[in-house]
Protein backbone atom coordinates (compact mmCIF):
# COMPACT_ATOMS: atom_id res chain seq x y z
CA MET A 1 -0.14 0.33 0.18
CA LEU A 2 1.33 3.37 -0.84
CA GLN A 3 -1.52 5.55 0.24
CA ASP A 4 -3.77 5.56 3.41
CA PRO A 5 -7.36 5.62 2.06
CA GLU A 6 -8.51 7.55 4.83
CA THR A 7 -5.98 10.52 4.85
CA GLY A 8 -4.61 10.38 1.33
CA LYS A 9 -1.20 9.91 3.02
CA PRO A 10 2.04 8.30 1.92
CA VAL A 11 2.62 5.23 3.51
CA PRO A 12 6.12 3.26 3.80
CA ASP A 13 5.33 -0.15 4.43
CA LYS A 14 7.63 -1.79 6.94
CA ALA A 15 6.70 -5.21 5.40
CA THR A 16 6.99 -4.21 1.99
CA MET A 17 9.53 -2.33 1.68
CA GLU A 18 11.92 -5.21 3.64
CA ALA A 19 10.62 -7.59 1.10
CA VAL A 20 11.52 -5.02 -1.74
CA TYR A 21 14.81 -3.95 -0.25
CA GLN A 22 16.01 -7.61 0.29
CA PHE A 23 14.92 -8.42 -3.46
CA PHE A 24 17.22 -6.11 -4.77
CA ALA A 25 20.01 -6.83 -2.31
CA ASP A 26 19.58 -10.90 -3.55
CA ALA A 27 19.79 -9.45 -7.00
CA MET A 28 22.86 -7.82 -6.39
CA ALA A 29 24.40 -10.59 -4.55
CA THR A 30 23.55 -13.30 -6.77
CA GLY A 31 25.08 -11.15 -9.67
CA VAL A 32 21.62 -10.05 -11.52
CA THR A 33 23.02 -6.80 -11.26
CA ARG A 34 26.34 -4.87 -10.43
CA LYS A 35 26.55 -3.06 -7.31
CA THR A 36 27.89 -0.34 -9.03
CA HIS A 37 24.54 -0.03 -11.31
CA ILE A 38 22.95 3.22 -10.14
CA GLY A 39 24.26 6.32 -11.27
CA THR A 40 25.62 4.13 -14.68
CA ASP A 41 26.00 6.36 -17.52
CA LEU A 42 23.18 6.27 -20.00
CA ASN A 43 25.23 5.65 -23.15
CA GLN A 44 27.08 2.44 -21.20
CA TRP A 45 23.76 1.12 -20.36
CA SER A 46 23.14 1.17 -23.96
CA ASN A 47 26.22 0.37 -24.95
CA ARG A 48 25.46 -2.86 -22.80
CA VAL A 49 22.24 -3.59 -24.01
CA THR A 50 23.53 -3.54 -27.55
CA ASN A 51 26.03 -6.10 -26.72
CA GLY A 52 23.45 -8.45 -25.05
CA LYS A 53 24.44 -7.92 -21.58
CA GLY A 54 21.47 -5.82 -20.28
CA ALA A 55 17.94 -5.36 -21.01
CA PRO A 56 16.30 -2.81 -22.78
CA CYS A 57 14.13 -0.61 -21.80
CA ASN A 58 11.59 2.39 -23.35
CA TRP A 59 14.53 4.77 -23.78
CA HIS A 60 16.86 2.67 -26.14
CA TYR A 61 13.89 2.14 -28.43
CA ALA A 62 13.64 6.13 -28.10
CA ARG A 63 17.09 6.53 -28.77
CA SER A 64 17.12 3.30 -31.38
CA SER A 65 18.05 4.57 -35.20
CA GLY A 66 16.38 0.99 -36.40
CA LYS A 67 13.19 0.94 -34.18
CA ASP A 68 11.56 -1.53 -36.87
CA GLY A 69 14.34 -3.75 -35.76
CA PHE A 70 14.36 -3.18 -32.56
CA LEU A 71 10.69 -3.96 -32.10
CA GLY A 72 11.27 -7.23 -34.12
CA THR A 73 13.82 -8.83 -31.69
CA ILE A 74 11.88 -7.82 -28.23
CA GLU A 75 8.83 -8.22 -26.32
CA PHE A 76 7.15 -6.12 -23.90
CA SER A 77 6.71 -7.06 -20.00
CA PRO A 78 5.32 -5.45 -16.77
CA ILE A 79 7.58 -5.14 -13.59
CA LEU A 80 7.35 -8.50 -13.00
CA ALA A 81 6.14 -9.67 -9.17
CA GLY A 82 8.43 -9.66 -6.52
CA ASN A 83 7.33 -12.83 -4.67
CA GLU A 84 4.30 -15.08 -4.95
CA SER A 85 2.09 -12.47 -2.68
CA GLY A 86 2.69 -9.29 -5.62
CA ARG A 87 1.52 -9.04 -9.05
CA ALA A 88 2.90 -7.85 -11.77
CA ASN A 89 2.10 -3.88 -12.56
CA MET A 90 3.08 -0.92 -14.07
CA ILE A 91 3.64 2.60 -12.67
CA THR A 92 1.62 5.52 -14.58
CA HIS A 93 1.73 9.16 -12.84
CA PRO A 94 -1.14 11.55 -13.86
CA LEU A 95 -1.69 14.72 -12.72
CA VAL A 96 -3.82 17.17 -11.14
CA CYS A 97 -4.27 20.68 -11.62
CA ARG A 98 -5.49 23.14 -9.61
CA ILE A 99 -7.15 26.53 -10.43
CA ASN A 100 -7.44 28.88 -7.47
CA ASP A 101 -10.88 30.50 -6.40
CA GLN A 102 -10.98 33.79 -8.35
CA THR A 103 -13.31 36.78 -7.89
CA GLU A 104 -14.71 36.44 -11.29
CA ASP A 105 -15.41 33.21 -12.82
CA ASP A 106 -14.02 34.30 -16.15
CA GLN A 107 -10.74 34.77 -14.52
CA GLU A 108 -10.99 30.90 -13.88
CA ASP A 109 -12.03 29.48 -16.81
CA ILE A 110 -9.40 31.67 -18.62
CA ALA A 111 -6.86 30.27 -16.57
CA ALA A 112 -8.23 26.45 -17.02
CA GLN A 113 -8.32 26.58 -21.05
CA PRO A 114 -4.89 25.99 -20.90
CA VAL A 115 -4.60 23.07 -18.62
CA ARG A 116 -7.63 21.29 -20.91
CA ILE A 117 -6.02 21.95 -24.10
CA ALA A 118 -2.50 20.79 -22.53
CA SER A 119 -4.31 17.76 -20.71
CA GLY A 120 -6.18 16.74 -23.75
CA LEU A 121 -5.58 12.89 -25.18
CA ARG A 122 -3.88 14.02 -28.41
CA ARG A 123 -1.38 16.22 -26.43
CA ASN A 124 -0.79 13.46 -23.80
CA ALA A 125 0.21 11.13 -26.70
CA LEU A 126 2.19 13.70 -28.19
CA HIS A 127 3.98 13.90 -25.20
CA ASP A 128 4.41 9.90 -24.97
CA LEU A 129 5.47 9.24 -28.35
CA GLN A 130 8.97 10.92 -28.45
CA PRO A 131 10.36 9.53 -25.41
CA ALA A 132 8.74 6.09 -25.92
CA HIS A 133 6.15 6.70 -22.86
CA LEU A 134 2.96 4.17 -21.83
CA ASP A 135 -0.26 5.92 -22.85
CA ILE A 136 -1.76 6.90 -19.08
CA THR A 137 -5.39 5.99 -20.17
CA GLN A 138 -6.92 3.49 -22.01
CA GLN A 139 -8.77 6.80 -24.00
CA GLN A 140 -5.49 7.72 -24.67
CA SER A 141 -4.51 4.55 -26.75
CA ASN A 142 -7.59 5.14 -28.82
CA VAL A 143 -6.06 8.48 -30.43
CA ALA A 144 -5.08 7.95 -34.12
CA LEU A 145 -1.57 9.26 -33.06
CA GLY A 146 -0.94 6.74 -31.06
CA ALA A 147 -3.26 3.81 -32.43
CA ASN A 148 -1.24 4.16 -35.44
CA ASP A 149 2.31 4.10 -33.76
CA ARG A 150 3.72 0.43 -33.48
CA TRP A 151 5.51 1.18 -30.30
CA ALA A 152 2.68 2.49 -28.98
CA ALA A 153 -0.15 0.17 -29.92
CA GLU A 154 1.53 -2.70 -28.80
CA ALA A 155 2.95 -1.18 -25.53
CA ALA A 156 -0.35 -0.36 -24.63
CA LYS A 157 -2.11 -3.33 -25.24
CA ARG A 158 -0.01 -5.59 -23.44
CA LEU A 159 1.32 -3.33 -20.63
CA LEU A 160 -1.82 -0.97 -20.03
CA GLY A 161 -4.03 -2.61 -17.81
CA THR A 162 -1.46 -3.44 -15.33
CA ALA A 163 -0.75 -0.23 -14.49
CA ASN A 164 -1.26 1.46 -10.93
CA ALA A 165 -0.95 5.50 -10.49
CA GLN A 166 0.84 6.44 -8.13
CA PRO A 167 -0.32 8.75 -5.07
CA ASN A 168 -1.17 12.41 -6.07
CA HIS A 169 0.49 14.09 -2.83
CA VAL A 170 2.40 16.94 -2.14
CA ARG A 171 4.43 15.11 0.28
CA PHE A 172 4.91 12.04 -2.20
CA ASP A 173 8.69 13.49 -3.93
CA ALA A 174 9.65 13.79 -0.07
CA PHE A 175 8.37 9.95 0.41
CA SER A 176 9.56 8.66 -2.74
CA GLU A 177 12.88 10.07 -2.10
CA ILE A 178 13.54 8.42 1.66
CA ILE A 179 12.09 5.05 0.17
CA TRP A 180 14.87 5.43 -2.43
CA THR A 181 17.56 6.38 -0.01
CA GLY A 182 17.37 3.05 1.94
CA ARG A 183 16.91 0.68 -0.99
CA GLU A 184 20.46 2.42 -2.51
CA ALA A 185 21.91 2.28 0.84
CA THR A 186 20.77 -1.69 0.94
CA TRP A 187 21.74 -2.03 -2.68
CA THR A 188 24.96 -1.15 -2.54
CA GLY A 189 25.76 -2.63 1.36
CA ILE A 190 26.57 1.01 3.07
CA ARG A 191 23.64 0.05 5.53
CA SER A 192 22.61 -3.29 6.53
CA LEU A 193 18.50 -3.93 5.68
CA ALA A 194 17.33 -3.35 9.41
CA ASP A 195 19.59 -0.44 9.68
CA ALA A 196 18.22 1.13 6.33
CA VAL A 197 14.28 0.03 7.59
CA ALA A 198 15.41 1.80 10.65
CA GLU A 199 16.38 5.13 8.98
CA VAL A 200 13.60 5.34 6.66
CA GLU A 201 11.06 4.76 9.83
CA LEU A 202 12.82 7.40 11.68
CA LYS A 203 13.07 10.20 8.73
CA ALA A 204 8.93 9.08 8.01
CA GLN A 205 7.95 9.69 11.98
CA LEU A 206 9.83 13.27 11.52
CA ASP A 207 7.53 13.79 8.54
CA ASP A 208 3.52 14.53 9.68
CA ALA A 209 2.71 13.57 6.06
CA LEU A 210 3.63 10.57 6.16
CA ILE A 211 2.39 7.26 7.73
CA PHE A 212 4.78 4.50 8.91
CA CYS A 213 3.38 0.96 9.51
């Protein structure tokens, strides 16, 4: 669980966090990934993919000049479940735009017009196609711009049904940073799993916008 249903606050769940940290620590210890993988230069990563030593992701497609050949050699897959209690998923992040209350309704309407234009299905499709992002909604995948693009159409068909939206909360960045810091410390061996979780717990308790359970 990432968000408390009653308060909307982000939730660093201890049991889940321990399992995630252990998963990445095991992946590093068994040689599935490198201890120094975090922070790898994108060009170096792309070179490893090209030489069959790494798994590709959407950015490699976006950077590829021979895109038809690229698509002919890969399969789409969501993020796999980490254990038997998890499920395969993808992460998306629809945004909430707020218009401040104004004295005149016309002023609010004028302010809302750019938001309506920017958040339209075609604009979102344009935003996603260039960097090879996944569609945000099922409705967006029906827009001709994406439906006629092989990457967007195949990726949406395979992946969109598994997508979860991350919480829209003003403190989610702080939540994400706390979780990431602990995972990085465990992954690189700077801290033990227990110490990393304890540090996350302490940071969460100091932030009134977060709930630690």
